[in-house]
Protein backbone atom coordinates (compact mmCIF):
# COMPACT_ATOMS: atom_id res chain seq x y z
CA MET A 1 -11.56 -18.47 -22.97
CA LYS A 2 -9.38 -15.81 -24.46
CA LYS A 3 -5.62 -16.29 -24.79
CA LEU A 4 -3.54 -14.38 -22.23
CA GLY A 5 -1.72 -12.44 -24.83
CA TRP A 6 1.39 -12.12 -22.66
CA ASN A 7 4.18 -14.45 -21.48
CA PRO A 8 4.85 -14.46 -17.75
CA LYS A 9 8.32 -15.83 -18.37
CA ARG A 10 9.37 -12.55 -19.92
CA LEU A 11 8.22 -10.45 -16.88
CA ARG A 12 10.32 -9.51 -13.89
CA THR A 13 9.47 -11.21 -10.57
CA LYS A 14 8.30 -7.94 -8.92
CA ILE A 15 5.78 -7.42 -11.72
CA LEU A 16 4.54 -11.04 -11.42
CA LEU A 17 4.07 -10.58 -7.61
CA ASP A 18 2.18 -7.29 -8.21
CA ASP A 19 -0.03 -9.09 -10.81
CA HIS A 20 -0.55 -11.93 -8.45
CA ARG A 21 -1.75 -9.43 -5.69
CA ILE A 22 -4.10 -7.74 -8.24
CA CYS A 23 -5.71 -11.06 -9.19
CA HIS A 24 -6.48 -11.75 -5.51
CA ALA A 25 -7.62 -8.16 -4.86
CA TRP A 26 -9.98 -8.33 -7.85
CA ILE A 27 -11.64 -11.48 -6.61
CA SER A 28 -11.63 -10.38 -3.04
CA ARG A 29 -13.39 -7.13 -3.74
CA MET A 30 -15.96 -8.90 -5.92
CA GLN A 31 -16.66 -11.37 -3.14
CA LYS A 32 -16.72 -9.06 -0.18
CA SER A 33 -18.28 -5.84 -1.42
CA GLY A 34 -19.21 -6.30 -5.04
CA ARG A 35 -16.55 -3.78 -6.05
CA PRO A 36 -14.16 -4.98 -8.78
CA LEU A 37 -10.94 -3.20 -9.50
CA MET A 38 -11.23 -0.40 -12.07
CA GLU A 39 -10.17 -1.01 -15.63
CA LYS A 40 -7.02 1.06 -15.42
CA GLU A 41 -5.86 -1.07 -12.49
CA THR A 42 -6.20 -4.33 -14.30
CA GLY A 43 -5.18 -3.16 -17.86
CA GLY A 44 -8.73 -3.85 -19.03
CA ALA A 45 -12.00 -5.29 -17.72
CA TRP A 46 -11.05 -8.86 -16.96
CA LEU A 47 -13.65 -11.59 -17.20
CA PRO A 48 -13.55 -14.20 -14.47
CA ASP A 49 -12.06 -16.94 -16.67
CA GLU A 50 -9.33 -14.47 -17.69
CA VAL A 51 -8.52 -13.74 -14.11
CA LYS A 52 -8.27 -17.50 -13.30
CA ALA A 53 -6.02 -18.15 -16.38
CA ARG A 54 -3.80 -15.21 -15.57
CA HIS A 55 -3.62 -16.17 -11.91
CA ASP A 56 -2.65 -19.84 -12.68
CA ALA A 57 0.03 -18.83 -15.16
CA ILE A 58 1.49 -16.39 -12.63
CA VAL A 59 1.58 -18.90 -9.85
CA THR A 60 3.26 -21.49 -12.05
CA GLU A 61 6.01 -19.12 -12.93
CA LEU A 62 6.45 -17.80 -9.37
CA LYS A 63 6.71 -21.26 -7.97
CA ARG A 64 9.55 -21.91 -10.49
CA ARG A 65 11.41 -18.73 -9.56
CA VAL A 66 10.67 -18.08 -5.86
CA LYS A 67 11.68 -20.60 -3.18
CA ASP A 68 8.86 -21.58 -0.83
CA PHE A 69 6.36 -19.38 -2.73
CA LYS A 70 2.89 -19.66 -1.13
CA HIS A 71 -0.48 -18.46 -2.23
CA HIS A 72 -4.11 -18.68 -1.31
CA THR A 73 -6.56 -20.42 -3.63
CA ILE A 74 -8.99 -17.99 -5.28
CA ILE A 75 -12.62 -18.77 -5.94
CA ILE A 76 -14.30 -17.15 -8.95
CA PHE A 77 -17.51 -15.27 -8.20
CA THR A 78 -19.35 -13.36 -10.94
CA PRO A 79 -21.96 -10.67 -10.24
CA GLN A 80 -22.78 -8.17 -13.04
CA LEU A 81 -19.40 -6.88 -13.77
CA ARG A 82 -20.16 -3.71 -15.80
CA GLU A 83 -22.75 -2.52 -13.38
CA LEU A 84 -20.47 -2.94 -10.46
CA GLN A 85 -17.58 -1.16 -12.14
CA ASN A 86 -19.82 1.83 -12.98
CA ARG A 87 -21.07 2.03 -9.40
CA TYR A 88 -17.56 1.80 -8.06
CA LYS A 89 -16.27 4.53 -10.31
CA SER A 90 -19.13 6.69 -9.23
CA ASP A 91 -18.37 6.11 -5.54
CA LEU A 92 -14.71 7.00 -6.14
CA ARG A 93 -15.67 10.30 -7.78
CA ASP A 94 -17.91 11.13 -4.81
CA GLU A 95 -15.08 10.46 -2.30
CA ARG A 96 -12.25 12.03 -4.32
CA ILE A 97 -9.89 14.35 -2.49
CA SER A 98 -8.20 16.63 -5.04
CA SER A 99 -6.09 19.02 -3.00
CA TRP A 100 -3.97 19.19 0.16
CA PHE A 101 -6.46 21.74 1.61
CA GLU A 102 -9.32 19.29 1.22
CA LEU A 103 -7.30 16.40 2.65
CA ASN A 104 -6.32 18.41 5.73
CA ARG A 105 -9.85 19.64 6.23
CA ARG A 106 -11.36 16.14 6.12
CA ILE A 107 -8.73 14.69 8.40
CA LYS A 108 -9.25 17.50 10.99
CA ARG A 109 -13.03 17.02 10.79
CA GLU A 110 -12.87 13.28 11.41
CA ALA A 111 -10.15 13.50 14.07
CA GLN A 112 -12.17 16.00 16.13
CA SER A 113 -10.15 16.58 19.34
CA ARG A 114 -7.61 13.85 18.65
CA GLN A 115 -4.06 14.90 17.84
CA ILE A 116 -2.94 14.63 14.21
CA VAL A 117 0.39 13.71 12.69
CA GLN A 118 0.48 14.48 8.96
CA GLY A 119 3.07 13.31 6.41
CA LYS A 120 6.16 15.30 5.75
CA GLY A 121 8.72 15.49 2.97
CA LYS A 122 8.81 16.11 -0.75
CA LYS A 123 5.28 16.51 -2.03
CA ASN A 124 5.94 16.41 -5.82
CA ARG A 125 7.11 13.13 -7.40
CA PRO A 126 9.46 11.97 -4.58
CA ASP A 127 11.72 8.93 -5.17
CA TYR A 128 9.96 7.12 -2.34
CA LEU A 129 6.85 7.47 -0.34
CA ILE A 130 7.43 5.67 2.95
CA VAL A 131 4.36 4.49 4.85
CA GLY A 132 4.64 3.61 8.55
CA GLN A 133 1.97 2.31 10.88
CA SER A 134 0.77 4.95 13.36
CA PRO A 135 2.30 7.82 15.39
CA GLY A 136 3.90 7.15 18.68
CA TYR A 137 4.49 9.41 21.70
CA GLU A 138 7.47 11.12 20.20
CA GLU A 139 5.68 11.63 16.87
CA PHE A 140 2.72 13.25 18.60
CA ARG A 141 5.09 15.51 20.64
CA GLU A 142 7.05 16.62 17.52
CA GLY A 143 4.07 16.53 15.12
CA GLU A 144 6.09 14.53 12.48
CA PRO A 145 6.16 10.90 11.46
CA PHE A 146 9.18 8.68 12.22
CA VAL A 147 11.09 10.90 14.73
CA GLY A 148 11.14 8.33 17.57
CA ARG A 149 13.25 5.20 17.91
CA ALA A 150 11.88 3.65 14.71
CA GLY A 151 12.59 6.88 12.92
CA ARG A 152 16.28 6.70 13.96
CA ILE A 153 16.54 3.21 12.59
CA LEU A 154 14.89 4.39 9.38
CA GLN A 155 17.37 7.21 9.14
CA ILE A 156 20.25 4.62 9.37
CA VAL A 157 18.74 2.80 6.43
CA LEU A 158 18.39 6.00 4.41
CA ASN A 159 21.97 7.08 5.21
CA ASP A 160 23.38 3.68 4.23
CA LEU A 161 21.49 3.91 0.89
CA HIS A 162 22.56 7.55 0.39
CA ILE A 163 18.96 8.62 0.26
CA SER A 164 18.30 12.16 1.63
CA ARG A 165 15.04 12.99 3.44
CA ASP A 166 14.50 15.65 0.77
CA GLN A 167 14.00 12.79 -1.76
CA VAL A 168 11.30 11.06 0.22
CA TYR A 169 7.79 11.68 1.50
CA ILE A 170 7.05 9.99 4.87
CA THR A 171 3.63 9.31 6.29
CA ASN A 172 1.65 6.80 8.36
CA ALA A 173 -1.26 4.56 7.64
CA LEU A 174 -2.97 6.30 10.54
CA LYS A 175 -2.95 10.10 10.89
CA PHE A 176 -4.66 10.01 14.33
CA ILE A 177 -5.45 7.22 16.72
CA ASP A 178 -7.52 6.49 19.72
CA LYS A 179 -4.92 4.73 21.72
CA VAL A 180 -1.17 5.39 21.13
CA ASP A 181 0.85 2.33 20.03
CA SER A 182 -2.34 0.23 19.76
CA PRO A 183 -3.68 0.59 16.21
CA THR A 184 -6.53 -1.60 14.98
CA LEU A 185 -7.43 -2.87 11.49
CA LYS A 186 -10.72 -1.04 11.72
CA GLU A 187 -8.94 2.28 12.16
CA VAL A 188 -6.58 1.45 9.25
CA LYS A 189 -9.54 0.68 6.94
CA GLU A 190 -11.37 3.82 8.04
CA GLN A 191 -8.36 5.99 7.22
CA GLN A 192 -7.36 4.19 4.05
CA LYS A 193 -8.95 6.98 1.91
CA TYR A 194 -6.53 9.49 3.33
CA LEU A 195 -3.53 7.46 2.37
CA GLN A 196 -4.92 6.97 -1.15
CA ALA A 197 -5.35 10.78 -1.36
CA GLU A 198 -1.76 11.33 -0.25
CA ILE A 199 -0.52 8.91 -2.91
CA ASP A 200 -2.60 10.60 -5.65
CA LEU A 201 -1.39 14.03 -4.61
CA VAL A 202 2.29 13.14 -4.16
CA ARG A 203 2.62 10.80 -7.12
CA PRO A 204 5.70 8.94 -5.86
CA LYS A 205 7.99 6.82 -7.99
CA LYS A 206 8.01 4.00 -5.46
CA VAL A 207 5.98 3.21 -2.35
CA MET A 208 7.58 1.42 0.71
CA ALA A 209 5.22 -0.21 3.32
CA LEU A 210 6.88 -0.59 6.70
CA GLY A 211 5.14 -3.01 8.97
CA TYR A 212 1.90 -5.05 9.07
CA TYR A 213 -0.55 -2.17 9.32
CA ALA A 214 1.08 -0.16 6.53
CA ILE A 215 0.79 -3.24 4.28
CA GLN A 216 -2.84 -3.68 5.22
CA SER A 217 -3.60 -0.04 4.53
CA LEU A 218 -2.10 -0.15 1.09
CA SER A 219 -3.68 -3.49 0.08
CA GLY A 220 -6.34 -2.94 -2.47
CA LEU A 221 -5.34 0.68 -3.19
CA ARG A 222 -4.57 1.88 -6.76
CA ILE A 223 -0.77 1.58 -6.32
CA GLY A 224 1.94 -1.07 -6.32
CA TYR A 225 4.17 -1.15 -3.18
CA THR A 226 7.10 -2.94 -1.70
CA PRO A 227 6.60 -4.44 1.76
CA ALA A 228 9.29 -4.37 4.44
CA PRO A 229 9.52 -4.89 8.16
CA HIS A 230 8.84 -1.96 10.51
CA PRO A 231 12.00 -0.48 12.02
CA SER A 232 10.64 -1.15 15.49
CA MET A 233 11.51 -4.82 14.84
CA PHE A 234 15.05 -3.80 15.72
CA ARG A 235 14.31 -4.61 19.44
CA PHE A 236 13.55 -8.24 18.42
CA ILE A 237 16.06 -9.06 15.68
CA GLY A 238 18.60 -6.30 16.12
CA GLY A 239 20.62 -4.97 13.10
CA LYS A 240 19.10 -7.61 10.85
CA VAL A 241 16.03 -5.44 10.46
CA VAL A 242 18.23 -2.71 8.86
CA GLU A 243 19.46 -5.16 6.17
CA LEU A 244 15.98 -6.43 5.53
CA ILE A 245 14.66 -2.84 4.93
CA LYS A 246 17.60 -1.96 2.77
CA LYS A 247 17.08 -5.08 0.74
CA ALA A 248 13.41 -4.05 0.22
CA PHE A 249 14.44 -0.48 -0.91
CA ARG A 250 16.63 -2.08 -3.56
CA ARG A 251 14.01 -4.27 -5.13
């Protein structure tokens, strides 16, 4: 087994959490679909024993730093790594969306007669790319994400942090949906490619995932992100959700 060549004690907690997520994504993709993460995502083609060693070192350090840190045990599974990497890279090239025109064309083609709500905001290197879950009735009426009740809570957060909407790009995990306010994980996975294309085109400095479906949509994509509760949680926990989202923005 190769030495790790790095010391987890010298890394910030956020980086360790991101690396921990990458370890799990690497194994999960190998197990479920035979698709390992690309080399640029892992910092090199990891061998299974290296993944296990890196994972164990990260978990040991996170347990020391983070109270009540929990993780799922990973199981090493080893198909032909190089062959799978090449096949995955080829698949990504085939599905690549390289322009806003191409992205809009594909979304419209798949949506057919369903109404679409596209992302809105700064499209070139925004400070934040904010990902919500799915459009609601007010979003469909206005044609913009986060303009309903959840959008008003988000605006309070942005105002408190002195962040202008001109500095951010706001979108949803789902651009269109069969039943309003009833997203499904199947729909999230089917539209994951559109979110990845948005991220590639926008090139944000930081990605915020608001809510369960946003987090699920970002899981496994070629980007690090910060999870936070969805603003709609205001009706359950009141103003505490504002503080939780602000705390996530500051990480």
